[in-house]
Amino acid sequence: MKPRILLTTTSFQETPGEHHAALAATGWEVVTARGPLSEADTLALVGDVDGYICGDDVITRAVLEKATPRLKVLSKYGIGVDKIDVPACTELGIPLLFTPGVNHTTVAEHAFLLLLALEKNLLFHTDSTRSGGWKRQTGHELLEKTIGIVGMGRIGKEVAIRAKAFGMRPIGYDIYWDEKFAAEHGVERVATLDELFAKADYISLHTNLTPETRDLVRAETIAKMKPGVIILNCARGEIVNTADIAAALESGRVRGYGTDVLDEEPPRADHPLTKLPNCVVTPHVGSRTHESVQRQAMAAVTNLIRAMHGEPPLAQVNPTVPVKKVV
């Protein structure tokens, strides 16, 4: 019997590239669905699949328990695994693979898209001209502004490089610090998040969602930021408390919020952030370019194929779990 593969990430399916040929060349049966899937949707699809290429589907212990013993490989398209019960994967012996290093350029560019849209009042101006008007608002330069980067991994570093190109002053906070990179690109290390909050004109979030970073931006921490700060979020929606950021935007305490992620995706019709004029929301497309999608997709397919053949994958979240040959 042919191995059966579940594929749910929509950008993989919708973007042309060699990843389609690579997956088809296996001869395996591929079952597709349009993610991101809820727990209920995921539960309905697992149980009779051998491999799974997932995006941001909710993959709980219940899902994994139903998927076993048949599911042998879970290949994450991307790097964020906060929607996946990683300890359950490890306990049940399911290798969880992922694709670091494929989307940092694209996401960093998207952070500047959001920042420029806010500082140049892009949506106000395009809405005006599209409706036959010629209304204008005065914007702001990025030159000589301080950008505080929370999380100096691959994406944070790319943001710092672009900030320097704009003539900005990048400061960064991370537990792990690359001294060589910081010295080469003129990034100042701050000792605490409070120090970053106090100094930054713009704050760009590039950290994982963990119990420690959930609601990192909330009323208490917003009070420590510069009045009129702009916050950018290309990480995870839950890092920012929705009610608190909405209140701060309405009061003007936060001048703008540019985000590619929300706590509810897709958001409900009355979500507090989708209608505010000083909030720019994009539908989790920060890594969705032809170049990035093809890199991510090929890495996800390569991981899947290697693991199904019992070979070492490119990257594994739970490396203590052995990869066993399936085909």
Protein backbone atom coordinates (compact mmCIF):
# COMPACT_ATOMS: atom_id res chain seq x y z
CA MET A 1 0.00 0.00 0.00
CA LYS A 2 1.27 3.44 -0.91
CA PRO A 3 2.15 5.80 1.95
CA ARG A 4 -0.56 8.40 2.47
CA ILE A 5 0.49 12.01 3.04
CA LEU A 6 -1.68 14.81 4.43
CA LEU A 7 -0.81 18.29 3.13
CA THR A 8 -2.61 21.28 4.63
CA THR A 9 -0.55 24.42 4.07
CA THR A 10 -2.24 26.60 1.46
CA SER A 11 0.80 28.60 0.33
CA PHE A 12 2.57 25.33 -0.48
CA GLN A 13 -0.41 24.25 -2.59
CA GLU A 14 -0.99 27.58 -4.33
CA THR A 15 2.58 28.56 -5.18
CA PRO A 16 4.23 26.99 -8.25
CA GLY A 17 7.65 25.46 -7.79
CA GLU A 18 9.78 22.34 -7.76
CA HIS A 19 8.28 21.25 -4.43
CA HIS A 20 5.21 19.98 -6.28
CA ALA A 21 7.30 17.80 -8.59
CA ALA A 22 9.42 16.56 -5.70
CA LEU A 23 6.39 15.40 -3.74
CA ALA A 24 4.70 13.91 -6.81
CA ALA A 25 7.86 12.00 -7.73
CA THR A 26 7.56 9.93 -4.56
CA GLY A 27 4.48 8.24 -5.98
CA TRP A 28 2.80 8.54 -2.60
CA GLU A 29 -0.90 9.34 -2.22
CA VAL A 30 -1.32 12.99 -1.23
CA VAL A 31 -4.48 14.16 0.50
CA THR A 32 -4.95 17.93 0.69
CA ALA A 33 -6.92 20.27 2.93
CA ARG A 34 -6.90 24.04 3.33
CA GLY A 35 -5.33 25.04 6.61
CA PRO A 36 -4.81 26.36 9.12
CA LEU A 37 -7.06 23.72 10.65
CA SER A 38 -8.78 23.75 14.02
CA GLU A 39 -8.35 20.83 16.39
CA ALA A 40 -11.69 19.39 15.26
CA ASP A 41 -10.75 19.66 11.59
CA THR A 42 -7.36 18.09 12.19
CA LEU A 43 -8.88 15.26 14.22
CA ALA A 44 -11.18 14.47 11.31
CA LEU A 45 -8.28 14.04 8.88
CA VAL A 46 -5.68 12.05 10.82
CA GLY A 47 -5.68 8.38 11.68
CA ASP A 48 -5.01 6.97 8.24
CA VAL A 49 -2.00 9.05 7.13
CA ASP A 50 1.68 8.05 7.31
CA GLY A 51 3.16 11.52 6.86
CA TYR A 52 1.86 15.02 7.46
CA ILE A 53 3.10 18.36 6.08
CA CYS A 54 1.41 20.95 8.26
CA GLY A 55 1.29 24.72 8.48
CA ASP A 56 -0.31 26.35 11.52
CA ASP A 57 -2.85 23.60 12.20
CA VAL A 58 -3.79 22.94 15.83
CA ILE A 59 -2.11 19.62 16.59
CA THR A 60 -2.92 18.63 20.15
CA ARG A 61 -2.25 15.46 22.10
CA ALA A 62 -5.70 14.23 21.11
CA VAL A 63 -4.83 14.71 17.44
CA LEU A 64 -1.51 12.93 17.82
CA GLU A 65 -3.03 10.04 19.75
CA LYS A 66 -5.58 9.53 17.00
CA ALA A 67 -2.86 9.81 14.35
CA THR A 68 -0.78 7.02 15.91
CA PRO A 69 0.37 4.40 15.37
CA ARG A 70 0.16 5.06 11.63
CA LEU A 71 1.62 8.58 11.58
CA LYS A 72 5.39 8.25 11.37
CA VAL A 73 6.54 11.76 10.35
CA LEU A 74 5.25 15.27 11.08
CA SER A 75 6.93 17.82 8.83
CA LYS A 76 6.28 21.44 9.80
CA TYR A 77 6.26 23.90 6.92
CA GLY A 78 7.91 26.82 8.72
CA ILE A 79 9.57 27.28 12.10
CA GLY A 80 6.82 28.07 14.63
CA VAL A 81 5.65 24.99 16.53
CA ASP A 82 3.53 26.67 19.22
CA LYS A 83 0.36 25.13 17.75
CA ILE A 84 1.86 21.64 18.10
CA ASP A 85 2.08 19.61 21.31
CA VAL A 86 5.81 18.99 21.09
CA PRO A 87 6.08 16.91 24.31
CA ALA A 88 3.30 14.65 23.02
CA CYS A 89 5.15 14.20 19.71
CA THR A 90 8.25 13.17 21.63
CA GLU A 91 6.36 10.89 24.00
CA LEU A 92 4.55 9.15 21.14
CA GLY A 93 7.75 8.75 19.13
CA ILE A 94 6.80 11.04 16.24
CA PRO A 95 9.74 12.93 14.70
CA LEU A 96 8.77 16.62 14.41
CA LEU A 97 10.70 18.26 11.59
CA PHE A 98 10.86 21.96 10.71
CA THR A 99 12.47 24.41 8.29
CA PRO A 100 14.64 27.07 9.95
CA GLY A 101 16.52 29.57 7.83
CA VAL A 102 14.11 29.82 4.90
CA ASN A 103 11.99 32.91 5.52
CA HIS A 104 14.03 35.44 7.48
CA THR A 105 14.58 37.78 4.54
CA THR A 106 10.90 37.83 3.60
CA VAL A 107 9.64 38.40 7.15
CA ALA A 108 12.14 41.19 7.79
CA GLU A 109 11.01 42.92 4.61
CA HIS A 110 7.41 42.57 5.75
CA ALA A 111 8.20 44.24 9.07
CA PHE A 112 9.39 47.29 7.15
CA LEU A 113 6.33 47.17 4.92
CA LEU A 114 4.19 47.53 8.05
CA LEU A 115 6.39 50.26 9.51
CA LEU A 116 6.47 52.33 6.31
CA ALA A 117 2.73 51.91 5.82
CA LEU A 118 2.14 53.39 9.27
CA GLU A 119 4.75 56.16 9.17
CA LYS A 120 3.80 57.32 5.65
CA ASN A 121 0.02 56.91 6.18
CA LEU A 122 -0.07 54.64 3.15
CA LEU A 123 -3.58 53.25 3.60
CA PHE A 124 -5.10 56.69 4.22
CA HIS A 125 -3.52 58.04 1.05
CA THR A 126 -4.37 55.09 -1.20
CA ASP A 127 -7.94 55.00 0.14
CA SER A 128 -8.23 58.69 -0.69
CA THR A 129 -7.02 58.43 -4.28
CA ARG A 130 -8.99 55.22 -4.95
CA SER A 131 -12.14 57.03 -3.92
CA GLY A 132 -11.39 59.99 -6.21
CA GLY A 133 -9.92 62.22 -3.52
CA TRP A 134 -6.59 63.88 -2.90
CA LYS A 135 -6.41 64.01 0.89
CA ARG A 136 -2.99 64.18 2.49
CA GLN A 137 -1.48 63.59 5.90
CA THR A 138 2.04 64.41 7.03
CA GLY A 139 4.15 61.36 7.79
CA HIS A 140 7.45 60.67 9.53
CA GLU A 141 10.96 59.70 8.46
CA LEU A 142 12.65 56.53 9.73
CA LEU A 143 16.03 58.27 9.71
CA GLU A 144 17.72 58.44 13.15
CA LYS A 145 14.84 56.70 14.90
CA THR A 146 15.62 53.96 17.42
CA ILE A 147 14.20 50.53 16.65
CA GLY A 148 14.11 48.02 19.48
CA ILE A 149 14.30 44.43 18.23
CA VAL A 150 12.96 41.79 20.61
CA GLY A 151 14.60 38.55 19.54
CA MET A 152 17.91 38.70 17.68
CA GLY A 153 17.69 35.44 15.78
CA ARG A 154 17.79 35.16 12.00
CA ILE A 155 14.81 37.48 11.42
CA GLY A 156 15.84 40.00 14.06
CA LYS A 157 19.27 40.24 12.50
CA GLU A 158 17.79 40.88 9.06
CA VAL A 159 15.64 43.65 10.57
CA ALA A 160 18.75 45.22 12.11
CA ILE A 161 20.59 45.16 8.77
CA ARG A 162 17.69 46.91 7.05
CA ALA A 163 17.33 49.40 9.89
CA LYS A 164 20.94 50.47 9.45
CA ALA A 165 20.31 50.94 5.72
CA PHE A 166 17.51 53.37 6.63
CA GLY A 167 19.89 55.29 8.90
CA MET A 168 18.19 54.04 12.05
CA ARG A 169 19.68 53.09 15.40
CA PRO A 170 19.01 49.41 16.16
CA ILE A 171 19.01 48.15 19.72
CA GLY A 172 18.30 44.53 20.59
CA TYR A 173 17.32 42.21 23.38
CA ASP A 174 17.90 38.47 23.45
CA ILE A 175 19.11 35.92 25.95
CA TYR A 176 21.50 34.59 23.31
CA TRP A 177 23.64 37.34 21.81
CA ASP A 178 25.82 37.25 18.72
CA GLU A 179 28.59 39.68 19.65
CA LYS A 180 30.28 39.44 16.27
CA PHE A 181 27.09 40.31 14.37
CA ALA A 182 26.23 43.15 16.77
CA ALA A 183 29.67 44.69 16.41
CA GLU A 184 29.67 44.35 12.64
CA HIS A 185 26.23 45.94 12.21
CA GLY A 186 26.24 48.45 15.04
CA VAL A 187 23.50 46.89 17.17
CA GLU A 188 23.44 47.98 20.79
CA ARG A 189 22.60 45.29 23.32
CA VAL A 190 20.20 46.31 26.09
CA ALA A 191 20.26 44.45 29.39
CA THR A 192 16.50 44.29 29.92
CA LEU A 193 13.24 44.58 28.03
CA ASP A 194 12.35 47.56 30.21
CA GLU A 195 15.42 49.36 28.88
CA LEU A 196 14.42 48.56 25.30
CA PHE A 197 10.86 49.75 25.94
CA ALA A 198 12.12 53.06 27.35
CA LYS A 199 14.52 53.80 24.47
CA ALA A 200 12.73 52.61 21.35
CA ASP A 201 10.67 54.73 18.96
CA TYR A 202 9.68 51.49 17.22
CA ILE A 203 9.50 48.00 18.71
CA SER A 204 9.70 44.98 16.42
CA LEU A 205 8.81 41.57 17.85
CA HIS A 206 10.70 38.52 16.59
CA THR A 207 10.53 36.05 19.44
CA ASN A 208 8.87 32.67 19.84
CA LEU A 209 5.55 32.30 21.63
CA THR A 210 6.26 30.76 25.04
CA PRO A 211 4.60 31.04 28.44
CA GLU A 212 7.11 33.84 29.16
CA THR A 213 6.38 35.82 26.00
CA ARG A 214 2.60 35.43 25.95
CA ASP A 215 1.09 38.91 26.57
CA LEU A 216 4.59 40.37 26.58
CA VAL A 217 3.03 43.59 25.27
CA ARG A 218 0.23 44.49 27.68
CA ALA A 219 -0.96 47.53 29.62
CA GLU A 220 1.82 47.18 32.19
CA THR A 221 4.62 47.05 29.62
CA ILE A 222 3.04 49.62 27.29
CA ALA A 223 3.23 52.08 30.22
CA LYS A 224 7.02 51.67 30.14
CA MET A 225 7.28 52.54 26.44
CA LYS A 226 7.75 55.94 24.87
CA PRO A 227 4.47 57.78 24.31
CA GLY A 228 3.61 57.45 20.63
CA VAL A 229 5.61 54.26 20.12
CA ILE A 230 4.92 52.10 17.05
CA ILE A 231 4.87 48.35 17.59
CA LEU A 232 5.44 45.74 14.86
CA ASN A 233 4.54 42.08 15.20
CA CYS A 234 5.64 39.47 12.66
CA ALA A 235 5.94 36.75 15.30
CA ARG A 236 2.75 35.50 16.99
CA GLY A 237 -0.47 37.35 17.80
CA GLU A 238 -0.60 36.10 21.38
CA ILE A 239 2.63 37.94 22.25
CA VAL A 240 0.51 41.13 22.26
CA ASN A 241 -2.57 41.41 24.48
CA THR A 242 -5.36 42.33 22.08
CA ALA A 243 -7.55 44.30 24.48
CA ASP A 244 -4.62 46.28 25.87
CA ILE A 245 -3.12 47.19 22.50
CA ALA A 246 -6.54 48.21 21.18
CA ALA A 247 -7.06 50.51 24.18
CA ALA A 248 -3.58 52.00 23.75
CA LEU A 249 -4.21 52.64 20.04
CA GLU A 250 -7.53 54.31 20.75
CA SER A 251 -6.00 56.58 23.40
CA GLY A 252 -2.95 57.40 21.27
CA ARG A 253 -0.52 56.02 23.87
CA VAL A 254 0.62 53.68 21.09
CA ARG A 255 0.68 55.62 17.82
CA GLY A 256 0.52 52.61 15.56
CA TYR A 257 0.48 48.83 15.50
CA GLY A 258 1.53 46.90 12.42
CA THR A 259 0.89 43.19 12.67
CA ASP A 260 0.90 40.17 10.42
CA VAL A 261 -0.51 37.95 13.16
CA LEU A 262 -3.53 37.94 15.46
CA ASP A 263 -4.69 35.97 18.46
CA GLU A 264 -7.55 34.66 16.27
CA GLU A 265 -6.76 33.63 12.71
CA PRO A 266 -8.85 34.32 10.76
CA PRO A 267 -10.33 37.01 13.06
CA ARG A 268 -13.99 37.28 13.94
CA ALA A 269 -15.94 40.07 12.24
CA ASP A 270 -15.81 42.33 15.31
CA HIS A 271 -12.15 41.76 16.18
CA PRO A 272 -10.87 44.88 18.00
CA LEU A 273 -7.84 45.40 15.76
CA THR A 274 -9.14 45.11 12.22
CA LYS A 275 -11.00 48.43 12.03
CA LEU A 276 -8.71 50.86 13.89
CA PRO A 277 -7.22 53.51 11.57
CA ASN A 278 -3.80 53.37 13.27
CA CYS A 279 -3.56 49.60 13.04
CA VAL A 280 -2.36 47.81 9.91
CA VAL A 281 -3.19 44.10 9.84
CA THR A 282 -2.06 41.68 7.14
CA PRO A 283 -3.38 38.09 7.01
CA HIS A 284 -0.28 36.17 8.16
CA VAL A 285 1.52 36.56 4.85
CA GLY A 286 4.88 37.79 6.15
CA SER A 287 6.67 34.72 4.82
CA ARG A 288 4.47 34.31 1.76
CA THR A 289 6.60 35.26 -1.22
CA HIS A 290 7.34 33.02 -4.18
CA GLU A 291 10.97 32.76 -3.13
CA SER A 292 10.30 32.00 0.52
CA VAL A 293 7.43 29.60 -0.13
CA GLN A 294 9.55 27.57 -2.52
CA ARG A 295 12.41 27.38 -0.01
CA GLN A 296 10.09 26.39 2.84
CA ALA A 297 8.16 23.90 0.74
CA MET A 298 11.26 22.17 -0.62
CA ALA A 299 12.71 21.96 2.88
CA ALA A 300 9.46 20.49 4.22
CA VAL A 301 9.27 17.94 1.39
CA THR A 302 12.96 17.08 1.77
CA ASN A 303 12.48 16.55 5.49
CA LEU A 304 9.48 14.31 4.87
CA ILE A 305 11.16 12.20 2.19
CA ARG A 306 14.38 11.77 4.15
CA ALA A 307 12.55 10.75 7.31
CA MET A 308 10.23 8.35 5.48
CA HIS A 309 13.37 6.66 4.12
CA GLY A 310 14.98 6.55 7.56
CA GLU A 311 17.53 9.25 6.71
CA PRO A 312 18.47 12.28 8.85
CA PRO A 313 16.23 15.30 8.10
CA LEU A 314 17.48 18.82 7.57
CA ALA A 315 16.23 19.90 11.00
CA GLN A 316 14.29 18.26 13.83
CA VAL A 317 12.60 19.88 16.82
CA ASN A 318 12.81 16.72 18.95
CA PRO A 319 16.10 15.09 17.88
CA THR A 320 15.91 12.48 20.66
CA VAL A 321 13.14 10.78 18.71
CA PRO A 322 14.68 8.35 16.22
CA VAL A 323 13.76 8.58 12.56
CA LYS A 324 12.65 5.13 11.38
CA LYS A 325 12.42 3.90 7.82
CA VAL A 326 8.86 3.67 6.55
CA VAL A 327 9.40 3.03 2.82
